[in-house]
Every structure is written in C-alpha cells, then in structure tokens.
Amino acid sequence: MFFESLTNADPELQKQIIASLGKLGGALSLSMAAIGSALGAGAAGKSAIQAWKKCYAQNRMAPFMLVAFVGAPLTQTIYGMIVMNAILRTVAAGAAMYHNLLLGGLMAGTAIGMSAWMQGLCAAGASDALAETGKGFVNYLMVLGVIETVALFVMVFVTGAIS
C-alpha cells in the first residue's frame, strides 16, 4: 500500500522519501554497531571491575591493562560510522536503490554489533584470566583481534558493495 501511494506521489516527494529511506540504512548501520559496542564494553567492564576487586581483596596490584580489554569493542562503532558515511554518499549520488541501502545498513550494523558484543564477552574472560595469572596479555589481544576481523570484513565488503 505504501509503495502504491509512493508511485502516485509528486516526483520531488518521491525523491525525498527514497533518500530518507536510504539514509535510514546509514542510521541503522551506526546504531546497531553502537548497540553491540555498548553491550561488549559493558560485559568487559563488569568483568574488569570484578577482577580488580579480587586483586584489591587479595592485596595485590590490580592490572591497569584491563582497560584495553574494556575499550576493544568500541572500535566497531567507528566501523558502523564508516558504513553509514558510505551509504550517505551513495544516497547523495543517487546511485543505488534505497532497498539495498536500508537492508545493507541494517545487516552490516547487526553483524558489526554482534562482533563487538562477542568481543566484549571474550574480553571479559581475558580480564579475569589476566588479573588472576598476570600472564597472557598478548594472547588475549590476539583472540580479540580475530573477532575484530569479522567487523572489518563486513565494513570493507558492504562499503564496497554499496558504493
């Protein structure tokens, strides 16, 4: 019904609606990625606080490096923003159908956000392990890097597909 009324609308209004729906894809890309970053950073942050508490309770030095684990999921918000900017450039150029931009932004943002969330859960485990043993920081970062790669792949390939 919406699309039938859209075809009968003024051509200028049609362009505005189509551009707005395309832009919504960009907003979804950023928003979904940011939701994942918030969930991931929250999970990692909670674990880091618990790990520091254990160290303080045992009168041991609390490792500051846990902050790196907490911040790891935040980069995915930047990837969502990069996809959003690519979508906005495509909307401005009028080079793609809004369906592709809307769905591309939603799916890219969701995949990037899930990567951030899972990275945060792994960072939570890394926080606990590092605080308990004082060892393995680089190994834990490598695991987080592998998970980050998923978000990077999504960003690069979706941006390439919609540009």
N, C-alpha and C. Protein backbone atom coordinates (compact mmCIF):
# COMPACT_ATOMS: atom_id res chain seq x y z
N MET A 1 0.82 -1.18 0.00
CA MET A 1 0.00 0.00 0.00
C MET A 1 0.87 1.26 0.00
N PHE A 2 1.91 1.26 0.84
CA PHE A 2 2.79 2.42 0.90
C PHE A 2 3.44 2.69 -0.46
N PHE A 3 3.90 1.61 -1.10
CA PHE A 3 4.62 1.78 -2.35
C PHE A 3 3.69 2.19 -3.48
N GLU A 4 2.42 1.75 -3.42
CA GLU A 4 1.45 2.18 -4.42
C GLU A 4 1.21 3.68 -4.31
N SER A 5 1.07 4.18 -3.08
CA SER A 5 0.85 5.61 -2.91
C SER A 5 2.11 6.40 -3.24
N LEU A 6 3.27 5.78 -3.07
CA LEU A 6 4.53 6.45 -3.41
C LEU A 6 4.64 6.67 -4.91
N THR A 7 4.20 5.71 -5.70
CA THR A 7 4.30 5.86 -7.15
C THR A 7 3.37 6.95 -7.68
N ASN A 8 2.32 7.24 -6.95
CA ASN A 8 1.38 8.29 -7.36
C ASN A 8 1.75 9.65 -6.80
N ALA A 9 2.78 9.71 -5.98
CA ALA A 9 3.17 10.97 -5.32
C ALA A 9 3.94 11.87 -6.28
N ASP A 10 4.06 13.11 -5.88
CA ASP A 10 4.84 14.10 -6.61
C ASP A 10 6.28 13.59 -6.76
N PRO A 11 6.90 13.72 -7.92
CA PRO A 11 8.27 13.20 -8.13
C PRO A 11 9.29 13.74 -7.13
N GLU A 12 9.15 14.98 -6.73
CA GLU A 12 10.09 15.54 -5.75
C GLU A 12 9.90 14.88 -4.39
N LEU A 13 8.67 14.64 -4.02
CA LEU A 13 8.37 13.94 -2.77
C LEU A 13 8.89 12.51 -2.82
N GLN A 14 8.75 11.88 -3.97
CA GLN A 14 9.28 10.52 -4.15
C GLN A 14 10.79 10.50 -3.88
N LYS A 15 11.50 11.46 -4.46
CA LYS A 15 12.95 11.53 -4.26
C LYS A 15 13.30 11.71 -2.79
N GLN A 16 12.55 12.56 -2.11
CA GLN A 16 12.82 12.81 -0.70
C GLN A 16 12.56 11.58 0.15
N ILE A 17 11.48 10.87 -0.12
CA ILE A 17 11.16 9.67 0.63
C ILE A 17 12.20 8.58 0.38
N ILE A 18 12.57 8.40 -0.86
CA ILE A 18 13.56 7.38 -1.20
C ILE A 18 14.90 7.71 -0.56
N ALA A 19 15.30 8.98 -0.59
CA ALA A 19 16.55 9.38 0.05
C ALA A 19 16.48 9.17 1.56
N SER A 20 15.34 9.47 2.15
CA SER A 20 15.19 9.28 3.59
C SER A 20 15.28 7.81 3.97
N LEU A 21 14.68 6.94 3.19
CA LEU A 21 14.76 5.51 3.48
C LEU A 21 16.19 4.99 3.31
N GLY A 22 16.90 5.51 2.33
CA GLY A 22 18.31 5.15 2.17
C GLY A 22 19.13 5.62 3.35
N LYS A 23 18.88 6.84 3.80
CA LYS A 23 19.60 7.39 4.96
C LYS A 23 19.31 6.59 6.23
N LEU A 24 18.11 6.06 6.32
CA LEU A 24 17.75 5.22 7.46
C LEU A 24 18.69 4.02 7.54
N GLY A 25 19.09 3.48 6.40
CA GLY A 25 20.07 2.39 6.38
C GLY A 25 21.38 2.81 7.01
N GLY A 26 21.81 4.03 6.76
CA GLY A 26 23.03 4.54 7.38
C GLY A 26 22.87 4.69 8.88
N ALA A 27 21.73 5.21 9.30
CA ALA A 27 21.48 5.36 10.74
C ALA A 27 21.43 4.00 11.42
N LEU A 28 20.84 3.01 10.76
CA LEU A 28 20.78 1.66 11.33
C LEU A 28 22.17 1.05 11.45
N SER A 29 23.00 1.29 10.46
CA SER A 29 24.36 0.77 10.50
C SER A 29 25.10 1.28 11.73
N LEU A 30 25.06 2.57 11.93
CA LEU A 30 25.74 3.16 13.09
C LEU A 30 25.09 2.71 14.39
N SER A 31 23.79 2.74 14.45
CA SER A 31 23.08 2.42 15.69
C SER A 31 23.28 0.97 16.12
N MET A 32 23.16 0.05 15.20
CA MET A 32 23.32 -1.37 15.55
C MET A 32 24.76 -1.66 15.97
N ALA A 33 25.72 -1.05 15.30
CA ALA A 33 27.11 -1.23 15.69
C ALA A 33 27.36 -0.66 17.09
N ALA A 34 26.77 0.50 17.37
CA ALA A 34 26.94 1.13 18.68
C ALA A 34 26.28 0.32 19.79
N ILE A 35 25.14 -0.28 19.50
CA ILE A 35 24.49 -1.14 20.50
C ILE A 35 25.42 -2.31 20.84
N GLY A 36 26.01 -2.92 19.84
CA GLY A 36 26.95 -4.02 20.09
C GLY A 36 28.16 -3.56 20.87
N SER A 37 28.67 -2.37 20.54
CA SER A 37 29.81 -1.83 21.28
C SER A 37 29.45 -1.60 22.75
N ALA A 38 28.26 -1.08 22.98
CA ALA A 38 27.83 -0.83 24.36
C ALA A 38 27.68 -2.14 25.13
N LEU A 39 27.09 -3.14 24.50
CA LEU A 39 26.95 -4.44 25.16
C LEU A 39 28.31 -5.08 25.44
N GLY A 40 29.20 -5.01 24.46
CA GLY A 40 30.53 -5.60 24.63
C GLY A 40 31.36 -4.89 25.67
N ALA A 41 31.37 -3.57 25.62
CA ALA A 41 32.13 -2.80 26.60
C ALA A 41 31.54 -2.98 28.00
N GLY A 42 30.23 -3.09 28.07
CA GLY A 42 29.59 -3.32 29.36
C GLY A 42 29.98 -4.66 29.96
N ALA A 43 29.98 -5.69 29.14
CA ALA A 43 30.36 -7.02 29.63
C ALA A 43 31.83 -7.04 30.07
N ALA A 44 32.69 -6.46 29.24
CA ALA A 44 34.12 -6.43 29.58
C ALA A 44 34.37 -5.54 30.80
N GLY A 45 33.67 -4.43 30.88
CA GLY A 45 33.84 -3.52 32.02
C GLY A 45 33.42 -4.15 33.33
N LYS A 46 32.31 -4.85 33.31
CA LYS A 46 31.85 -5.53 34.53
C LYS A 46 32.89 -6.55 34.99
N SER A 47 33.43 -7.30 34.06
CA SER A 47 34.43 -8.30 34.42
C SER A 47 35.72 -7.66 34.91
N ALA A 48 36.12 -6.55 34.29
CA ALA A 48 37.34 -5.86 34.74
C ALA A 48 37.17 -5.35 36.17
N ILE A 49 36.02 -4.81 36.47
CA ILE A 49 35.77 -4.31 37.83
C ILE A 49 35.82 -5.46 38.83
N GLN A 50 35.23 -6.59 38.48
CA GLN A 50 35.27 -7.75 39.38
C GLN A 50 36.70 -8.26 39.55
N ALA A 51 37.47 -8.25 38.46
CA ALA A 51 38.86 -8.71 38.55
C ALA A 51 39.69 -7.77 39.43
N TRP A 52 39.48 -6.47 39.27
CA TRP A 52 40.20 -5.52 40.12
C TRP A 52 39.82 -5.70 41.59
N LYS A 53 38.54 -5.94 41.83
CA LYS A 53 38.08 -6.15 43.21
C LYS A 53 38.80 -7.35 43.83
N LYS A 54 38.93 -8.44 43.07
CA LYS A 54 39.64 -9.62 43.57
C LYS A 54 41.08 -9.28 43.91
N CYS A 55 41.71 -8.51 43.03
CA CYS A 55 43.11 -8.12 43.29
C CYS A 55 43.21 -7.29 44.56
N TYR A 56 42.33 -6.32 44.72
CA TYR A 56 42.35 -5.46 45.91
C TYR A 56 42.08 -6.28 47.17
N ALA A 57 41.15 -7.22 47.07
CA ALA A 57 40.81 -8.05 48.23
C ALA A 57 41.99 -8.93 48.65
N GLN A 58 42.82 -9.30 47.69
CA GLN A 58 44.00 -10.13 47.98
C GLN A 58 45.24 -9.29 48.20
N ASN A 59 45.05 -7.98 48.27
CA ASN A 59 46.16 -7.04 48.48
C ASN A 59 47.24 -7.16 47.39
N ARG A 60 46.78 -7.40 46.15
CA ARG A 60 47.69 -7.49 45.01
C ARG A 60 47.51 -6.27 44.11
N MET A 61 48.52 -6.03 43.30
CA MET A 61 48.46 -4.93 42.33
C MET A 61 47.39 -5.25 41.28
N ALA A 62 46.51 -4.32 41.02
CA ALA A 62 45.46 -4.52 40.01
C ALA A 62 46.00 -4.08 38.65
N PRO A 63 45.91 -4.97 37.63
CA PRO A 63 46.47 -4.64 36.31
C PRO A 63 45.65 -3.57 35.59
N PHE A 64 46.29 -2.46 35.28
CA PHE A 64 45.63 -1.37 34.56
C PHE A 64 45.29 -1.79 33.12
N MET A 65 46.01 -2.76 32.59
CA MET A 65 45.85 -3.18 31.19
C MET A 65 44.45 -3.72 30.89
N LEU A 66 43.66 -3.98 31.93
CA LEU A 66 42.30 -4.46 31.69
C LEU A 66 41.47 -3.41 30.95
N VAL A 67 41.88 -2.16 31.06
CA VAL A 67 41.17 -1.09 30.34
C VAL A 67 41.22 -1.32 28.83
N ALA A 68 42.31 -1.90 28.34
CA ALA A 68 42.42 -2.21 26.91
C ALA A 68 41.34 -3.20 26.49
N PHE A 69 41.05 -4.16 27.35
CA PHE A 69 40.00 -5.13 27.04
C PHE A 69 38.63 -4.47 27.04
N VAL A 70 38.41 -3.57 27.97
CA VAL A 70 37.12 -2.89 28.07
C VAL A 70 36.87 -2.03 26.83
N GLY A 71 37.90 -1.38 26.34
CA GLY A 71 37.76 -0.48 25.20
C GLY A 71 37.75 -1.16 23.84
N ALA A 72 38.13 -2.43 23.78
CA ALA A 72 38.24 -3.11 22.49
C ALA A 72 36.95 -3.08 21.67
N PRO A 73 35.78 -3.30 22.24
CA PRO A 73 34.56 -3.32 21.41
C PRO A 73 34.13 -1.95 20.86
N LEU A 74 34.76 -0.89 21.31
CA LEU A 74 34.33 0.44 20.87
C LEU A 74 34.68 0.74 19.42
N THR A 75 35.70 0.09 18.89
CA THR A 75 36.10 0.37 17.51
C THR A 75 35.01 0.01 16.51
N GLN A 76 34.16 -0.95 16.87
CA GLN A 76 33.11 -1.34 15.94
C GLN A 76 32.11 -0.20 15.69
N THR A 77 31.96 0.69 16.64
CA THR A 77 31.10 1.86 16.39
C THR A 77 31.67 2.69 15.25
N ILE A 78 32.98 2.81 15.21
CA ILE A 78 33.63 3.55 14.11
C ILE A 78 33.37 2.85 12.78
N TYR A 79 33.42 1.53 12.77
CA TYR A 79 33.15 0.80 11.52
C TYR A 79 31.72 1.03 11.07
N GLY A 80 30.78 1.05 12.00
CA GLY A 80 29.39 1.36 11.66
C GLY A 80 29.26 2.75 11.08
N MET A 81 30.04 3.70 11.61
CA MET A 81 30.02 5.07 11.10
C MET A 81 30.59 5.13 9.68
N ILE A 82 31.62 4.36 9.41
CA ILE A 82 32.20 4.33 8.07
C ILE A 82 31.19 3.79 7.06
N VAL A 83 30.48 2.73 7.44
CA VAL A 83 29.44 2.19 6.56
C VAL A 83 28.34 3.24 6.36
N MET A 84 27.95 3.91 7.45
CA MET A 84 26.93 4.96 7.36
C MET A 84 27.36 6.05 6.37
N ASN A 85 28.61 6.49 6.47
CA ASN A 85 29.08 7.54 5.56
C ASN A 85 29.07 7.08 4.11
N ALA A 86 29.41 5.81 3.88
CA ALA A 86 29.36 5.28 2.51
C ALA A 86 27.92 5.26 2.00
N ILE A 87 27.00 4.91 2.86
CA ILE A 87 25.58 4.91 2.48
C ILE A 87 25.12 6.32 2.16
N LEU A 88 25.50 7.28 3.00
CA LEU A 88 25.09 8.67 2.76
C LEU A 88 25.66 9.21 1.46
N ARG A 89 26.91 8.84 1.13
CA ARG A 89 27.50 9.27 -0.14
C ARG A 89 26.73 8.66 -1.32
N THR A 90 26.32 7.41 -1.16
CA THR A 90 25.58 6.73 -2.22
C THR A 90 24.20 7.36 -2.40
N VAL A 91 23.56 7.72 -1.28
CA VAL A 91 22.26 8.40 -1.35
C VAL A 91 22.42 9.73 -2.08
N ALA A 92 23.45 10.48 -1.73
CA ALA A 92 23.67 11.79 -2.34
C ALA A 92 23.92 11.67 -3.84
N ALA A 93 24.58 10.59 -4.24
CA ALA A 93 24.86 10.39 -5.66
C ALA A 93 23.65 9.80 -6.40
N GLY A 94 22.67 9.30 -5.65
CA GLY A 94 21.50 8.68 -6.27
C GLY A 94 21.86 7.42 -7.03
N ALA A 95 22.90 6.72 -6.54
CA ALA A 95 23.47 5.63 -7.31
C ALA A 95 22.93 4.25 -6.95
N ALA A 96 22.04 4.14 -5.97
CA ALA A 96 21.55 2.82 -5.58
C ALA A 96 20.10 2.90 -5.16
N MET A 97 19.43 1.78 -5.21
CA MET A 97 18.05 1.73 -4.74
C MET A 97 18.04 1.72 -3.22
N TYR A 98 17.06 2.39 -2.65
CA TYR A 98 17.03 2.52 -1.20
C TYR A 98 16.90 1.18 -0.50
N HIS A 99 16.29 0.18 -1.15
CA HIS A 99 16.16 -1.15 -0.54
C HIS A 99 17.53 -1.70 -0.16
N ASN A 100 18.47 -1.55 -1.10
CA ASN A 100 19.82 -2.06 -0.88
C ASN A 100 20.50 -1.33 0.27
N LEU A 101 20.31 -0.03 0.33
CA LEU A 101 20.95 0.77 1.37
C LEU A 101 20.32 0.50 2.73
N LEU A 102 19.02 0.40 2.76
CA LEU A 102 18.31 0.14 4.01
C LEU A 102 18.68 -1.23 4.56
N LEU A 103 18.58 -2.26 3.73
CA LEU A 103 18.90 -3.61 4.18
C LEU A 103 20.40 -3.77 4.42
N GLY A 104 21.22 -3.17 3.56
CA GLY A 104 22.67 -3.25 3.74
C GLY A 104 23.10 -2.62 5.05
N GLY A 105 22.55 -1.47 5.37
CA GLY A 105 22.89 -0.80 6.62
C GLY A 105 22.45 -1.60 7.83
N LEU A 106 21.23 -2.16 7.76
CA LEU A 106 20.72 -2.95 8.87
C LEU A 106 21.57 -4.20 9.10
N MET A 107 21.85 -4.91 8.03
CA MET A 107 22.61 -6.16 8.17
C MET A 107 24.06 -5.89 8.55
N ALA A 108 24.67 -4.88 7.96
CA ALA A 108 26.06 -4.55 8.32
C ALA A 108 26.15 -4.12 9.77
N GLY A 109 25.25 -3.26 10.19
CA GLY A 109 25.26 -2.81 11.58
C GLY A 109 25.04 -3.94 12.56
N THR A 110 24.15 -4.87 12.21
CA THR A 110 23.90 -6.01 13.08
C THR A 110 25.13 -6.91 13.17
N ALA A 111 25.75 -7.20 12.04
CA ALA A 111 26.94 -8.05 12.05
C ALA A 111 28.09 -7.39 12.81
N ILE A 112 28.30 -6.12 12.58
CA ILE A 112 29.36 -5.39 13.28
C ILE A 112 29.05 -5.33 14.78
N GLY A 113 27.80 -5.08 15.12
CA GLY A 113 27.40 -5.04 16.52
C GLY A 113 27.58 -6.38 17.22
N MET A 114 27.25 -7.46 16.53
CA MET A 114 27.43 -8.79 17.12
C MET A 114 28.91 -9.07 17.35
N SER A 115 29.75 -8.63 16.43
CA SER A 115 31.19 -8.79 16.60
C SER A 115 31.66 -8.05 17.85
N ALA A 116 31.16 -6.85 18.06
CA ALA A 116 31.54 -6.07 19.24
C ALA A 116 31.07 -6.75 20.52
N TRP A 117 29.87 -7.25 20.49
CA TRP A 117 29.32 -7.91 21.68
C TRP A 117 30.13 -9.16 22.03
N MET A 118 30.40 -9.99 21.04
CA MET A 118 31.18 -11.21 21.28
C MET A 118 32.61 -10.88 21.71
N GLN A 119 33.15 -9.82 21.13
CA GLN A 119 34.49 -9.39 21.53
C GLN A 119 34.49 -8.97 23.00
N GLY A 120 33.45 -8.29 23.42
CA GLY A 120 33.34 -7.89 24.82
C GLY A 120 33.23 -9.07 25.75
N LEU A 121 32.48 -10.10 25.33
CA LEU A 121 32.38 -11.29 26.17
C LEU A 121 33.73 -12.00 26.30
N CYS A 122 34.47 -12.06 25.21
CA CYS A 122 35.81 -12.66 25.27
C CYS A 122 36.76 -11.78 26.09
N ALA A 123 36.61 -10.47 25.96
CA ALA A 123 37.43 -9.54 26.75
C ALA A 123 37.14 -9.70 28.24
N ALA A 124 35.90 -10.04 28.56
CA ALA A 124 35.56 -10.30 29.96
C ALA A 124 36.34 -11.48 30.50
N GLY A 125 36.40 -12.54 29.72
CA GLY A 125 37.19 -13.70 30.13
C GLY A 125 38.67 -13.37 30.21
N ALA A 126 39.14 -12.56 29.27
CA ALA A 126 40.55 -12.16 29.29
C ALA A 126 40.87 -11.33 30.52
N SER A 127 39.96 -10.47 30.92
CA SER A 127 40.17 -9.66 32.13
C SER A 127 40.34 -10.54 33.36
N ASP A 128 39.46 -11.50 33.48
CA ASP A 128 39.53 -12.40 34.63
C ASP A 128 40.84 -13.19 34.62
N ALA A 129 41.19 -13.72 33.45
CA ALA A 129 42.40 -14.53 33.34
C ALA A 129 43.66 -13.72 33.61
N LEU A 130 43.74 -12.52 33.06
CA LEU A 130 44.93 -11.70 33.26
C LEU A 130 45.07 -11.27 34.72
N ALA A 131 43.97 -10.91 35.34
CA ALA A 131 44.03 -10.48 36.74
C ALA A 131 44.43 -11.64 37.65
N GLU A 132 43.99 -12.84 37.30
CA GLU A 132 44.30 -13.99 38.14
C GLU A 132 45.73 -14.47 37.97
N THR A 133 46.21 -14.49 36.72
CA THR A 133 47.54 -15.07 36.46
C THR A 133 48.62 -14.03 36.21
N GLY A 134 48.23 -12.84 35.75
CA GLY A 134 49.22 -11.84 35.37
C GLY A 134 49.93 -12.17 34.07
N LYS A 135 49.43 -13.15 33.35
CA LYS A 135 50.09 -13.62 32.12
C LYS A 135 49.09 -13.71 30.98
N GLY A 136 49.62 -13.67 29.75
CA GLY A 136 48.83 -13.94 28.57
C GLY A 136 48.22 -12.74 27.87
N PHE A 137 48.62 -11.53 28.24
CA PHE A 137 48.00 -10.33 27.67
C PHE A 137 48.00 -10.35 26.14
N VAL A 138 49.12 -10.65 25.53
CA VAL A 138 49.22 -10.63 24.06
C VAL A 138 48.34 -11.72 23.45
N ASN A 139 48.31 -12.88 24.07
CA ASN A 139 47.46 -13.96 23.56
C ASN A 139 45.99 -13.55 23.59
N TYR A 140 45.58 -12.90 24.66
CA TYR A 140 44.19 -12.46 24.78
C TYR A 140 43.87 -11.40 23.72
N LEU A 141 44.82 -10.51 23.49
CA LEU A 141 44.60 -9.49 22.45
C LEU A 141 44.48 -10.11 21.06
N MET A 142 45.22 -11.18 20.82
CA MET A 142 45.12 -11.85 19.52
C MET A 142 43.72 -12.43 19.30
N VAL A 143 43.14 -13.00 20.34
CA VAL A 143 41.78 -13.52 20.22
C VAL A 143 40.81 -12.38 19.91
N LEU A 144 40.96 -11.27 20.62
CA LEU A 144 40.10 -10.12 20.36
C LEU A 144 40.29 -9.60 18.95
N GLY A 145 41.51 -9.67 18.45
CA GLY A 145 41.79 -9.23 17.08
C GLY A 145 41.12 -10.10 16.03
N VAL A 146 41.06 -11.39 16.28
CA VAL A 146 40.37 -12.29 15.34
C VAL A 146 38.89 -11.93 15.27
N ILE A 147 38.29 -11.66 16.42
CA ILE A 147 36.87 -11.29 16.45
C ILE A 147 36.67 -9.93 15.77
N GLU A 148 37.60 -9.02 15.97
CA GLU A 148 37.55 -7.70 15.32
C GLU A 148 37.57 -7.83 13.81
N THR A 149 38.26 -8.84 13.32
CA THR A 149 38.39 -9.04 11.88
C THR A 149 37.03 -9.26 11.22
N VAL A 150 36.12 -9.89 11.92
CA VAL A 150 34.77 -10.08 11.37
C VAL A 150 34.15 -8.72 11.05
N ALA A 151 34.23 -7.80 11.99
CA ALA A 151 33.66 -6.46 11.78
C ALA A 151 34.37 -5.73 10.64
N LEU A 152 35.68 -5.88 10.57
CA LEU A 152 36.44 -5.24 9.48
C LEU A 152 36.02 -5.78 8.12
N PHE A 153 35.87 -7.11 8.02
CA PHE A 153 35.42 -7.70 6.76
C PHE A 153 34.05 -7.16 6.36
N VAL A 154 33.14 -7.13 7.29
CA VAL A 154 31.79 -6.62 7.00
C VAL A 154 31.87 -5.18 6.51
N MET A 155 32.62 -4.35 7.23
CA MET A 155 32.74 -2.94 6.86
C MET A 155 33.29 -2.80 5.44
N VAL A 156 34.37 -3.49 5.15
CA VAL A 156 35.03 -3.36 3.85
C VAL A 156 34.13 -3.88 2.72
N PHE A 157 33.56 -5.06 2.91
CA PHE A 157 32.81 -5.66 1.82
C PHE A 157 31.46 -4.98 1.60
N VAL A 158 30.78 -4.59 2.66
CA VAL A 158 29.49 -3.90 2.49
C VAL A 158 29.72 -2.52 1.89
N THR A 159 30.73 -1.82 2.38
CA THR A 159 31.04 -0.49 1.83
C THR A 159 31.36 -0.60 0.34
N GLY A 160 32.11 -1.62 -0.03
CA GLY A 160 32.42 -1.84 -1.45
C GLY A 160 31.19 -2.18 -2.27
N ALA A 161 30.28 -2.94 -1.68
CA ALA A 161 29.08 -3.37 -2.41
C ALA A 161 28.10 -2.22 -2.64
N ILE A 162 28.04 -1.27 -1.74
CA ILE A 162 27.05 -0.20 -1.90
C ILE A 162 27.60 1.05 -2.56
N SER A 163 28.90 1.12 -2.72
CA SER A 163 29.50 2.33 -3.31
C SER A 163 29.42 2.30 -4.82
